[in-house]
């Protein structure tokens, strides 16, 4: 959700909120959001 992308040549940074919804094999479903930053590199 709400990604913010910053590109600088062959590198980039993406900040976003990740909304996770998990259904385990054992136990109750879980849901949570977390702020996350991805760093990327152009490869070809």
ModelCIF file with pLDDT and N, C-alpha, C, O atoms, coordinates in Angstrom:
data_MODEL
#
_entry.id   MODEL 
#
_entity.id                         1 
_entity.type                       polymer 
_entity.pdbx_number_of_molecules   1 
#
_entity_poly.entity_id                      1 
_entity_poly.type                           'polypeptide(L)' 
_entity_poly.nstd_linkage                   no 
_entity_poly.nstd_monomer                   no 
_entity_poly.pdbx_seq_one_letter_code       
;(UNK)(UNK)(UNK)(UNK)(UNK)(UNK)(UNK)(UNK)(UNK)(UNK)(UNK)(UNK)(UNK)(UNK)(UNK)(UNK)
(UNK)(UNK)(UNK)(UNK)(UNK)(UNK)(UNK)(UNK)(UNK)(UNK)(UNK)(UNK)(UNK)(UNK)(UNK)(UNK)
(UNK)(UNK)(UNK)(UNK)(UNK)(UNK)(UNK)(UNK)(UNK)(UNK)(UNK)(UNK)
;
_entity_poly.pdbx_seq_one_letter_code_can   XXXXXXXXXXXXXXXXXXXXXXXXXXXXXXXXXXXXXXXXXXXX 
_entity_poly.pdbx_strand_id                 A 
#
loop_
_entity_poly_seq.entity_id 
_entity_poly_seq.num 
_entity_poly_seq.mon_id 
_entity_poly_seq.hetero 
1 1  UNK n 
1 2  UNK n 
1 3  UNK n 
1 4  UNK n 
1 5  UNK n 
1 6  UNK n 
1 7  UNK n 
1 8  UNK n 
1 9  UNK n 
1 10 UNK n 
1 11 UNK n 
1 12 UNK n 
1 13 UNK n 
1 14 UNK n 
1 15 UNK n 
1 16 UNK n 
1 17 UNK n 
1 18 UNK n 
1 19 UNK n 
1 20 UNK n 
1 21 UNK n 
1 22 UNK n 
1 23 UNK n 
1 24 UNK n 
1 25 UNK n 
1 26 UNK n 
1 27 UNK n 
1 28 UNK n 
1 29 UNK n 
1 30 UNK n 
1 31 UNK n 
1 32 UNK n 
1 33 UNK n 
1 34 UNK n 
1 35 UNK n 
1 36 UNK n 
1 37 UNK n 
1 38 UNK n 
1 39 UNK n 
1 40 UNK n 
1 41 UNK n 
1 42 UNK n 
1 43 UNK n 
1 44 UNK n 
#
_struct_asym.id          A 
_struct_asym.entity_id   1 
#
loop_
_ma_qa_metric.id 
_ma_qa_metric.mode 
_ma_qa_metric.name 
_ma_qa_metric.software_group_id 
_ma_qa_metric.type 
1 global pLDDT . pLDDT 
2 local  pLDDT . pLDDT 
#
_ma_qa_metric_global.metric_id      1 
_ma_qa_metric_global.metric_value   96.43 
_ma_qa_metric_global.model_id       1 
_ma_qa_metric_global.ordinal_id     1 
#
loop_
_ma_qa_metric_local.label_asym_id 
_ma_qa_metric_local.label_comp_id 
_ma_qa_metric_local.label_seq_id 
_ma_qa_metric_local.metric_id 
_ma_qa_metric_local.metric_value 
_ma_qa_metric_local.model_id 
_ma_qa_metric_local.ordinal_id 
A UNK 1  2 96.00 1 1  
A UNK 2  2 96.00 1 2  
A UNK 3  2 97.00 1 3  
A UNK 4  2 97.00 1 4  
A UNK 5  2 98.00 1 5  
A UNK 6  2 98.00 1 6  
A UNK 7  2 98.00 1 7  
A UNK 8  2 98.00 1 8  
A UNK 9  2 96.00 1 9  
A UNK 10 2 97.00 1 10 
A UNK 11 2 98.00 1 11 
A UNK 12 2 98.00 1 12 
A UNK 13 2 98.00 1 13 
A UNK 14 2 98.00 1 14 
A UNK 15 2 97.00 1 15 
A UNK 16 2 97.00 1 16 
A UNK 17 2 97.00 1 17 
A UNK 18 2 96.00 1 18 
A UNK 19 2 97.00 1 19 
A UNK 20 2 95.00 1 20 
A UNK 21 2 97.00 1 21 
A UNK 22 2 96.00 1 22 
A UNK 23 2 97.00 1 23 
A UNK 24 2 96.00 1 24 
A UNK 25 2 95.00 1 25 
A UNK 26 2 94.00 1 26 
A UNK 27 2 94.00 1 27 
A UNK 28 2 97.00 1 28 
A UNK 29 2 97.00 1 29 
A UNK 30 2 96.00 1 30 
A UNK 31 2 97.00 1 31 
A UNK 32 2 95.00 1 32 
A UNK 33 2 96.00 1 33 
A UNK 34 2 96.00 1 34 
A UNK 35 2 97.00 1 35 
A UNK 36 2 97.00 1 36 
A UNK 37 2 97.00 1 37 
A UNK 38 2 97.00 1 38 
A UNK 39 2 97.00 1 39 
A UNK 40 2 97.00 1 40 
A UNK 41 2 97.00 1 41 
A UNK 42 2 96.00 1 42 
A UNK 43 2 93.00 1 43 
A UNK 44 2 90.00 1 44 
#
loop_
_atom_site.group_PDB 
_atom_site.id 
_atom_site.type_symbol 
_atom_site.label_atom_id 
_atom_site.label_alt_id 
_atom_site.label_comp_id 
_atom_site.label_asym_id 
_atom_site.label_entity_id 
_atom_site.label_seq_id 
_atom_site.pdbx_PDB_ins_code 
_atom_site.Cartn_x 
_atom_site.Cartn_y 
_atom_site.Cartn_z 
_atom_site.occupancy 
_atom_site.B_iso_or_equiv 
_atom_site.pdbx_formal_charge 
_atom_site.auth_seq_id 
_atom_site.auth_comp_id 
_atom_site.auth_asym_id 
_atom_site.auth_atom_id 
_atom_site.pdbx_PDB_model_num 
ATOM 1   N N  . UNK A 1 1  ? 0.834  -1.205  0.000   1.00 96.00 ? 1  UNK A N  1 
ATOM 2   C CA . UNK A 1 1  ? 0.000  0.000   0.000   1.00 96.00 ? 1  UNK A CA 1 
ATOM 3   C C  . UNK A 1 1  ? 0.870  1.256   0.000   1.00 96.00 ? 1  UNK A C  1 
ATOM 4   O O  . UNK A 1 1  ? 1.907  1.312   0.660   1.00 96.00 ? 1  UNK A O  1 
ATOM 5   N N  . UNK A 1 2  ? 0.432  2.241   -0.740  1.00 96.00 ? 2  UNK A N  1 
ATOM 6   C CA . UNK A 1 2  ? 1.045  3.568   -0.776  1.00 96.00 ? 2  UNK A CA 1 
ATOM 7   C C  . UNK A 1 2  ? 2.560  3.529   -1.006  1.00 96.00 ? 2  UNK A C  1 
ATOM 8   O O  . UNK A 1 2  ? 3.311  4.118   -0.229  1.00 96.00 ? 2  UNK A O  1 
ATOM 9   N N  . UNK A 1 3  ? 3.020  2.846   -2.063  1.00 97.00 ? 3  UNK A N  1 
ATOM 10  C CA . UNK A 1 3  ? 4.463  2.802   -2.300  1.00 97.00 ? 3  UNK A CA 1 
ATOM 11  C C  . UNK A 1 3  ? 5.016  4.161   -2.731  1.00 97.00 ? 3  UNK A C  1 
ATOM 12  O O  . UNK A 1 3  ? 4.386  4.898   -3.489  1.00 97.00 ? 3  UNK A O  1 
ATOM 13  N N  . UNK A 1 4  ? 6.192  4.463   -2.232  1.00 97.00 ? 4  UNK A N  1 
ATOM 14  C CA . UNK A 1 4  ? 6.933  5.655   -2.640  1.00 97.00 ? 4  UNK A CA 1 
ATOM 15  C C  . UNK A 1 4  ? 8.239  5.142   -3.237  1.00 97.00 ? 4  UNK A C  1 
ATOM 16  O O  . UNK A 1 4  ? 9.035  4.506   -2.546  1.00 97.00 ? 4  UNK A O  1 
ATOM 17  N N  . UNK A 1 5  ? 8.458  5.420   -4.531  1.00 98.00 ? 5  UNK A N  1 
ATOM 18  C CA . UNK A 1 5  ? 9.611  4.895   -5.254  1.00 98.00 ? 5  UNK A CA 1 
ATOM 19  C C  . UNK A 1 5  ? 10.587 6.031   -5.536  1.00 98.00 ? 5  UNK A C  1 
ATOM 20  O O  . UNK A 1 5  ? 10.204 7.086   -6.043  1.00 98.00 ? 5  UNK A O  1 
ATOM 21  N N  . UNK A 1 6  ? 11.852 5.799   -5.200  1.00 98.00 ? 6  UNK A N  1 
ATOM 22  C CA . UNK A 1 6  ? 12.918 6.761   -5.492  1.00 98.00 ? 6  UNK A CA 1 
ATOM 23  C C  . UNK A 1 6  ? 13.984 6.024   -6.285  1.00 98.00 ? 6  UNK A C  1 
ATOM 24  O O  . UNK A 1 6  ? 14.595 5.079   -5.785  1.00 98.00 ? 6  UNK A O  1 
ATOM 25  N N  . UNK A 1 7  ? 14.211 6.456   -7.529  1.00 98.00 ? 7  UNK A N  1 
ATOM 26  C CA . UNK A 1 7  ? 15.198 5.828   -8.402  1.00 98.00 ? 7  UNK A CA 1 
ATOM 27  C C  . UNK A 1 7  ? 16.393 6.749   -8.532  1.00 98.00 ? 7  UNK A C  1 
ATOM 28  O O  . UNK A 1 7  ? 16.249 7.955   -8.732  1.00 98.00 ? 7  UNK A O  1 
ATOM 29  N N  . UNK A 1 8  ? 17.593 6.155   -8.412  1.00 98.00 ? 8  UNK A N  1 
ATOM 30  C CA . UNK A 1 8  ? 18.839 6.904   -8.577  1.00 98.00 ? 8  UNK A CA 1 
ATOM 31  C C  . UNK A 1 8  ? 19.764 6.057   -9.450  1.00 98.00 ? 8  UNK A C  1 
ATOM 32  O O  . UNK A 1 8  ? 20.552 5.259   -8.944  1.00 98.00 ? 8  UNK A O  1 
ATOM 33  N N  . UNK A 1 9  ? 19.659 6.240   -10.755 1.00 96.00 ? 9  UNK A N  1 
ATOM 34  C CA . UNK A 1 9  ? 20.467 5.451   -11.686 1.00 96.00 ? 9  UNK A CA 1 
ATOM 35  C C  . UNK A 1 9  ? 20.080 3.987   -11.658 1.00 96.00 ? 9  UNK A C  1 
ATOM 36  O O  . UNK A 1 9  ? 18.956 3.624   -12.006 1.00 96.00 ? 9  UNK A O  1 
ATOM 37  N N  . UNK A 1 10 ? 21.014 3.150   -11.243 1.00 97.00 ? 10 UNK A N  1 
ATOM 38  C CA . UNK A 1 10 ? 20.779 1.709   -11.202 1.00 97.00 ? 10 UNK A CA 1 
ATOM 39  C C  . UNK A 1 10 ? 20.376 1.197   -9.829  1.00 97.00 ? 10 UNK A C  1 
ATOM 40  O O  . UNK A 1 10 ? 20.392 -0.010  -9.588  1.00 97.00 ? 10 UNK A O  1 
ATOM 41  N N  . UNK A 1 11 ? 20.017 2.097   -8.931  1.00 98.00 ? 11 UNK A N  1 
ATOM 42  C CA . UNK A 1 11 ? 19.527 1.689   -7.618  1.00 98.00 ? 11 UNK A CA 1 
ATOM 43  C C  . UNK A 1 11 ? 18.193 2.372   -7.360  1.00 98.00 ? 11 UNK A C  1 
ATOM 44  O O  . UNK A 1 11 ? 17.875 3.398   -7.963  1.00 98.00 ? 11 UNK A O  1 
ATOM 45  N N  . UNK A 1 12 ? 17.424 1.790   -6.458  1.00 98.00 ? 12 UNK A N  1 
ATOM 46  C CA . UNK A 1 12 ? 16.132 2.372   -6.115  1.00 98.00 ? 12 UNK A CA 1 
ATOM 47  C C  . UNK A 1 12 ? 15.788 2.003   -4.678  1.00 98.00 ? 12 UNK A C  1 
ATOM 48  O O  . UNK A 1 12 ? 16.292 1.031   -4.116  1.00 98.00 ? 12 UNK A O  1 
ATOM 49  N N  . UNK A 1 13 ? 14.914 2.817   -4.114  1.00 98.00 ? 13 UNK A N  1 
ATOM 50  C CA . UNK A 1 13 ? 14.400 2.558   -2.770  1.00 98.00 ? 13 UNK A CA 1 
ATOM 51  C C  . UNK A 1 13 ? 12.889 2.684   -2.836  1.00 98.00 ? 13 UNK A C  1 
ATOM 52  O O  . UNK A 1 13 ? 12.364 3.644   -3.400  1.00 98.00 ? 13 UNK A O  1 
ATOM 53  N N  . UNK A 1 14 ? 12.190 1.714   -2.258  1.00 98.00 ? 14 UNK A N  1 
ATOM 54  C CA . UNK A 1 14 ? 10.732 1.721   -2.222  1.00 98.00 ? 14 UNK A CA 1 
ATOM 55  C C  . UNK A 1 14 ? 10.299 1.613   -0.769  1.00 98.00 ? 14 UNK A C  1 
ATOM 56  O O  . UNK A 1 14 ? 10.643 0.652   -0.081  1.00 98.00 ? 14 UNK A O  1 
ATOM 57  N N  . UNK A 1 15 ? 9.546  2.600   -0.305  1.00 97.00 ? 15 UNK A N  1 
ATOM 58  C CA . UNK A 1 15 ? 8.971  2.569   1.039   1.00 97.00 ? 15 UNK A CA 1 
ATOM 59  C C  . UNK A 1 15 ? 7.473  2.374   0.885   1.00 97.00 ? 15 UNK A C  1 
ATOM 60  O O  . UNK A 1 15 ? 6.836  3.024   0.057   1.00 97.00 ? 15 UNK A O  1 
ATOM 61  N N  . UNK A 1 16 ? 6.913  1.472   1.689   1.00 97.00 ? 16 UNK A N  1 
ATOM 62  C CA . UNK A 1 16 ? 5.487  1.176   1.575   1.00 97.00 ? 16 UNK A CA 1 
ATOM 63  C C  . UNK A 1 16 ? 4.999  0.520   2.858   1.00 97.00 ? 16 UNK A C  1 
ATOM 64  O O  . UNK A 1 16 ? 5.789  0.117   3.712   1.00 97.00 ? 16 UNK A O  1 
ATOM 65  N N  . UNK A 1 17 ? 3.688  0.424   2.971   1.00 97.00 ? 17 UNK A N  1 
ATOM 66  C CA . UNK A 1 17 ? 3.075  -0.371  4.025   1.00 97.00 ? 17 UNK A CA 1 
ATOM 67  C C  . UNK A 1 17 ? 2.725  -1.718  3.424   1.00 97.00 ? 17 UNK A C  1 
ATOM 68  O O  . UNK A 1 17 ? 2.066  -1.789  2.387   1.00 97.00 ? 17 UNK A O  1 
ATOM 69  N N  . UNK A 1 18 ? 3.165  -2.790  4.074   1.00 96.00 ? 18 UNK A N  1 
ATOM 70  C CA . UNK A 1 18 ? 2.806  -4.131  3.635   1.00 96.00 ? 18 UNK A CA 1 
ATOM 71  C C  . UNK A 1 18 ? 1.701  -4.648  4.540   1.00 96.00 ? 18 UNK A C  1 
ATOM 72  O O  . UNK A 1 18 ? 1.861  -4.716  5.759   1.00 96.00 ? 18 UNK A O  1 
ATOM 73  N N  . UNK A 1 19 ? 0.582  -5.008  3.936   1.00 97.00 ? 19 UNK A N  1 
ATOM 74  C CA . UNK A 1 19 ? -0.540 -5.592  4.673   1.00 97.00 ? 19 UNK A CA 1 
ATOM 75  C C  . UNK A 1 19 ? -0.469 -7.100  4.464   1.00 97.00 ? 19 UNK A C  1 
ATOM 76  O O  . UNK A 1 19 ? -0.631 -7.592  3.347   1.00 97.00 ? 19 UNK A O  1 
ATOM 77  N N  . UNK A 1 20 ? -0.224 -7.825  5.551   1.00 95.00 ? 20 UNK A N  1 
ATOM 78  C CA . UNK A 1 20 ? -0.100 -9.289  5.467   1.00 95.00 ? 20 UNK A CA 1 
ATOM 79  C C  . UNK A 1 20 ? -1.338 -9.951  6.045   1.00 95.00 ? 20 UNK A C  1 
ATOM 80  O O  . UNK A 1 20 ? -1.857 -9.532  7.080   1.00 95.00 ? 20 UNK A O  1 
ATOM 81  N N  . UNK A 1 21 ? -1.802 -10.981 5.371   1.00 97.00 ? 21 UNK A N  1 
ATOM 82  C CA . UNK A 1 21 ? -2.925 -11.794 5.821   1.00 97.00 ? 21 UNK A CA 1 
ATOM 83  C C  . UNK A 1 21 ? -2.458 -13.239 5.745   1.00 97.00 ? 21 UNK A C  1 
ATOM 84  O O  . UNK A 1 21 ? -2.181 -13.754 4.662   1.00 97.00 ? 21 UNK A O  1 
ATOM 85  N N  . UNK A 1 22 ? -2.371 -13.894 6.905   1.00 96.00 ? 22 UNK A N  1 
ATOM 86  C CA . UNK A 1 22 ? -1.783 -15.228 6.981   1.00 96.00 ? 22 UNK A CA 1 
ATOM 87  C C  . UNK A 1 22 ? -2.784 -16.211 7.585   1.00 96.00 ? 22 UNK A C  1 
ATOM 88  O O  . UNK A 1 22 ? -3.422 -15.930 8.599   1.00 96.00 ? 22 UNK A O  1 
ATOM 89  N N  . UNK A 1 23 ? -2.903 -17.359 6.942   1.00 97.00 ? 23 UNK A N  1 
ATOM 90  C CA . UNK A 1 23 ? -3.719 -18.445 7.483   1.00 97.00 ? 23 UNK A CA 1 
ATOM 91  C C  . UNK A 1 23 ? -2.767 -19.616 7.734   1.00 97.00 ? 23 UNK A C  1 
ATOM 92  O O  . UNK A 1 23 ? -2.351 -20.295 6.795   1.00 97.00 ? 23 UNK A O  1 
ATOM 93  N N  . UNK A 1 24 ? -2.424 -19.848 9.006   1.00 96.00 ? 24 UNK A N  1 
ATOM 94  C CA . UNK A 1 24 ? -1.501 -20.946 9.313   1.00 96.00 ? 24 UNK A CA 1 
ATOM 95  C C  . UNK A 1 24 ? -2.177 -22.300 9.184   1.00 96.00 ? 24 UNK A C  1 
ATOM 96  O O  . UNK A 1 24 ? -3.403 -22.397 9.234   1.00 96.00 ? 24 UNK A O  1 
ATOM 97  N N  . UNK A 1 25 ? -1.388 -23.330 9.019   1.00 95.00 ? 25 UNK A N  1 
ATOM 98  C CA . UNK A 1 25 ? -1.923 -24.698 8.976   1.00 95.00 ? 25 UNK A CA 1 
ATOM 99  C C  . UNK A 1 25 ? -2.509 -25.056 10.343  1.00 95.00 ? 25 UNK A C  1 
ATOM 100 O O  . UNK A 1 25 ? -3.484 -25.802 10.428  1.00 95.00 ? 25 UNK A O  1 
ATOM 101 N N  . UNK A 1 26 ? -1.911 -24.524 11.408  1.00 94.00 ? 26 UNK A N  1 
ATOM 102 C CA . UNK A 1 26 ? -2.395 -24.751 12.770  1.00 94.00 ? 26 UNK A CA 1 
ATOM 103 C C  . UNK A 1 26 ? -2.530 -23.387 13.439  1.00 94.00 ? 26 UNK A C  1 
ATOM 104 O O  . UNK A 1 26 ? -1.599 -22.582 13.402  1.00 94.00 ? 26 UNK A O  1 
ATOM 105 N N  . UNK A 1 27 ? -3.671 -23.126 14.044  1.00 94.00 ? 27 UNK A N  1 
ATOM 106 C CA . UNK A 1 27 ? -3.874 -21.858 14.737  1.00 94.00 ? 27 UNK A CA 1 
ATOM 107 C C  . UNK A 1 27 ? -4.814 -20.933 13.996  1.00 94.00 ? 27 UNK A C  1 
ATOM 108 O O  . UNK A 1 27 ? -5.428 -21.304 12.995  1.00 94.00 ? 27 UNK A O  1 
ATOM 109 N N  . UNK A 1 28 ? -4.911 -19.717 14.511  1.00 97.00 ? 28 UNK A N  1 
ATOM 110 C CA . UNK A 1 28 ? -5.857 -18.727 13.995  1.00 97.00 ? 28 UNK A CA 1 
ATOM 111 C C  . UNK A 1 28 ? -5.236 -17.846 12.913  1.00 97.00 ? 28 UNK A C  1 
ATOM 112 O O  . UNK A 1 28 ? -4.029 -17.605 12.920  1.00 97.00 ? 28 UNK A O  1 
ATOM 113 N N  . UNK A 1 29 ? -6.065 -17.367 11.985  1.00 97.00 ? 29 UNK A N  1 
ATOM 114 C CA . UNK A 1 29 ? -5.577 -16.423 10.979  1.00 97.00 ? 29 UNK A CA 1 
ATOM 115 C C  . UNK A 1 29 ? -5.005 -15.164 11.644  1.00 97.00 ? 29 UNK A C  1 
ATOM 116 O O  . UNK A 1 29 ? -5.425 -14.768 12.732  1.00 97.00 ? 29 UNK A O  1 
ATOM 117 N N  . UNK A 1 30 ? -4.053 -14.560 10.969  1.00 96.00 ? 30 UNK A N  1 
ATOM 118 C CA . UNK A 1 30 ? -3.398 -13.356 11.475  1.00 96.00 ? 30 UNK A CA 1 
ATOM 119 C C  . UNK A 1 30 ? -3.433 -12.277 10.394  1.00 96.00 ? 30 UNK A C  1 
ATOM 120 O O  . UNK A 1 30 ? -3.413 -12.572 9.198   1.00 96.00 ? 30 UNK A O  1 
ATOM 121 N N  . UNK A 1 31 ? -3.485 -11.036 10.836  1.00 97.00 ? 31 UNK A N  1 
ATOM 122 C CA . UNK A 1 31 ? -3.434 -9.913  9.907   1.00 97.00 ? 31 UNK A CA 1 
ATOM 123 C C  . UNK A 1 31 ? -2.644 -8.799  10.573  1.00 97.00 ? 31 UNK A C  1 
ATOM 124 O O  . UNK A 1 31 ? -2.888 -8.466  11.733  1.00 97.00 ? 31 UNK A O  1 
ATOM 125 N N  . UNK A 1 32 ? -1.698 -8.222  9.841   1.00 95.00 ? 32 UNK A N  1 
ATOM 126 C CA . UNK A 1 32 ? -0.952 -7.094  10.388  1.00 95.00 ? 32 UNK A CA 1 
ATOM 127 C C  . UNK A 1 32 ? -0.339 -6.288  9.255   1.00 95.00 ? 32 UNK A C  1 
ATOM 128 O O  . UNK A 1 32 ? -0.085 -6.797  8.164   1.00 95.00 ? 32 UNK A O  1 
ATOM 129 N N  . UNK A 1 33 ? -0.112 -5.024  9.548   1.00 96.00 ? 33 UNK A N  1 
ATOM 130 C CA . UNK A 1 33 ? 0.508  -4.094  8.605   1.00 96.00 ? 33 UNK A CA 1 
ATOM 131 C C  . UNK A 1 33 ? 1.861  -3.677  9.166   1.00 96.00 ? 33 UNK A C  1 
ATOM 132 O O  . UNK A 1 33 ? 2.040  -3.569  10.379  1.00 96.00 ? 33 UNK A O  1 
ATOM 133 N N  . UNK A 1 34 ? 2.810  -3.445  8.260   1.00 96.00 ? 34 UNK A N  1 
ATOM 134 C CA . UNK A 1 34 ? 4.121  -2.973  8.701   1.00 96.00 ? 34 UNK A CA 1 
ATOM 135 C C  . UNK A 1 34 ? 4.743  -2.082  7.643   1.00 96.00 ? 34 UNK A C  1 
ATOM 136 O O  . UNK A 1 34 ? 4.627  -2.339  6.445   1.00 96.00 ? 34 UNK A O  1 
ATOM 137 N N  . UNK A 1 35 ? 5.400  -1.036  8.101   1.00 97.00 ? 35 UNK A N  1 
ATOM 138 C CA . UNK A 1 35 ? 6.152  -0.178  7.200   1.00 97.00 ? 35 UNK A CA 1 
ATOM 139 C C  . UNK A 1 35 ? 7.405  -0.926  6.778   1.00 97.00 ? 35 UNK A C  1 
ATOM 140 O O  . UNK A 1 35 ? 8.096  -1.511  7.612   1.00 97.00 ? 35 UNK A O  1 
ATOM 141 N N  . UNK A 1 36 ? 7.699  -0.908  5.481   1.00 97.00 ? 36 UNK A N  1 
ATOM 142 C CA . UNK A 1 36 ? 8.825  -1.684  4.960   1.00 97.00 ? 36 UNK A CA 1 
ATOM 143 C C  . UNK A 1 36 ? 9.562  -0.868  3.909   1.00 97.00 ? 36 UNK A C  1 
ATOM 144 O O  . UNK A 1 36 ? 8.959  -0.125  3.135   1.00 97.00 ? 36 UNK A O  1 
ATOM 145 N N  . UNK A 1 37 ? 10.881 -1.025  3.901   1.00 97.00 ? 37 UNK A N  1 
ATOM 146 C CA . UNK A 1 37 ? 11.693 -0.383  2.874   1.00 97.00 ? 37 UNK A CA 1 
ATOM 147 C C  . UNK A 1 37 ? 12.446 -1.453  2.093   1.00 97.00 ? 37 UNK A C  1 
ATOM 148 O O  . UNK A 1 37 ? 13.138 -2.293  2.669   1.00 97.00 ? 37 UNK A O  1 
ATOM 149 N N  . UNK A 1 38 ? 12.298 -1.408  0.773   1.00 97.00 ? 38 UNK A N  1 
ATOM 150 C CA . UNK A 1 38 ? 13.018 -2.299  -0.124  1.00 97.00 ? 38 UNK A CA 1 
ATOM 151 C C  . UNK A 1 38 ? 14.116 -1.494  -0.805  1.00 97.00 ? 38 UNK A C  1 
ATOM 152 O O  . UNK A 1 38 ? 13.885 -0.367  -1.242  1.00 97.00 ? 38 UNK A O  1 
ATOM 153 N N  . UNK A 1 39 ? 15.294 -2.065  -0.894  1.00 97.00 ? 39 UNK A N  1 
ATOM 154 C CA . UNK A 1 39 ? 16.371 -1.485  -1.702  1.00 97.00 ? 39 UNK A CA 1 
ATOM 155 C C  . UNK A 1 39 ? 16.563 -2.404  -2.892  1.00 97.00 ? 39 UNK A C  1 
ATOM 156 O O  . UNK A 1 39 ? 16.610 -3.626  -2.750  1.00 97.00 ? 39 UNK A O  1 
ATOM 157 N N  . UNK A 1 40 ? 16.675 -1.796  -4.078  1.00 97.00 ? 40 UNK A N  1 
ATOM 158 C CA . UNK A 1 40 ? 16.775 -2.568  -5.310  1.00 97.00 ? 40 UNK A CA 1 
ATOM 159 C C  . UNK A 1 40 ? 17.973 -2.138  -6.138  1.00 97.00 ? 40 UNK A C  1 
ATOM 160 O O  . UNK A 1 40 ? 18.513 -1.044  -5.972  1.00 97.00 ? 40 UNK A O  1 
ATOM 161 N N  . UNK A 1 41 ? 18.370 -3.027  -7.034  1.00 97.00 ? 41 UNK A N  1 
ATOM 162 C CA . UNK A 1 41 ? 19.466 -2.774  -7.962  1.00 97.00 ? 41 UNK A CA 1 
ATOM 163 C C  . UNK A 1 41 ? 19.029 -3.281  -9.332  1.00 97.00 ? 41 UNK A C  1 
ATOM 164 O O  . UNK A 1 41 ? 18.403 -4.333  -9.459  1.00 97.00 ? 41 UNK A O  1 
ATOM 165 N N  . UNK A 1 42 ? 19.379 -2.498  -10.354 1.00 96.00 ? 42 UNK A N  1 
ATOM 166 C CA . UNK A 1 42 ? 19.068 -2.932  -11.721 1.00 96.00 ? 42 UNK A CA 1 
ATOM 167 C C  . UNK A 1 42 ? 20.083 -3.999  -12.121 1.00 96.00 ? 42 UNK A C  1 
ATOM 168 O O  . UNK A 1 42 ? 21.291 -3.808  -11.983 1.00 96.00 ? 42 UNK A O  1 
ATOM 169 N N  . UNK A 1 43 ? 19.574 -5.124  -12.620 1.00 93.00 ? 43 UNK A N  1 
ATOM 170 C CA . UNK A 1 43 ? 20.412 -6.245  -13.033 1.00 93.00 ? 43 UNK A CA 1 
ATOM 171 C C  . UNK A 1 43 ? 20.020 -6.590  -14.458 1.00 93.00 ? 43 UNK A C  1 
ATOM 172 O O  . UNK A 1 43 ? 19.093 -7.366  -14.693 1.00 93.00 ? 43 UNK A O  1 
ATOM 173 N N  . UNK A 1 44 ? 20.731 -6.007  -15.399 1.00 90.00 ? 44 UNK A N  1 
ATOM 174 C CA . UNK A 1 44 ? 20.338 -6.180  -16.799 1.00 90.00 ? 44 UNK A CA 1 
ATOM 175 C C  . UNK A 1 44 ? 19.029 -5.464  -17.042 1.00 90.00 ? 44 UNK A C  1 
ATOM 176 O O  . UNK A 1 44 ? 18.515 -5.481  -18.161 1.00 90.00 ? 44 UNK A O  1 
#
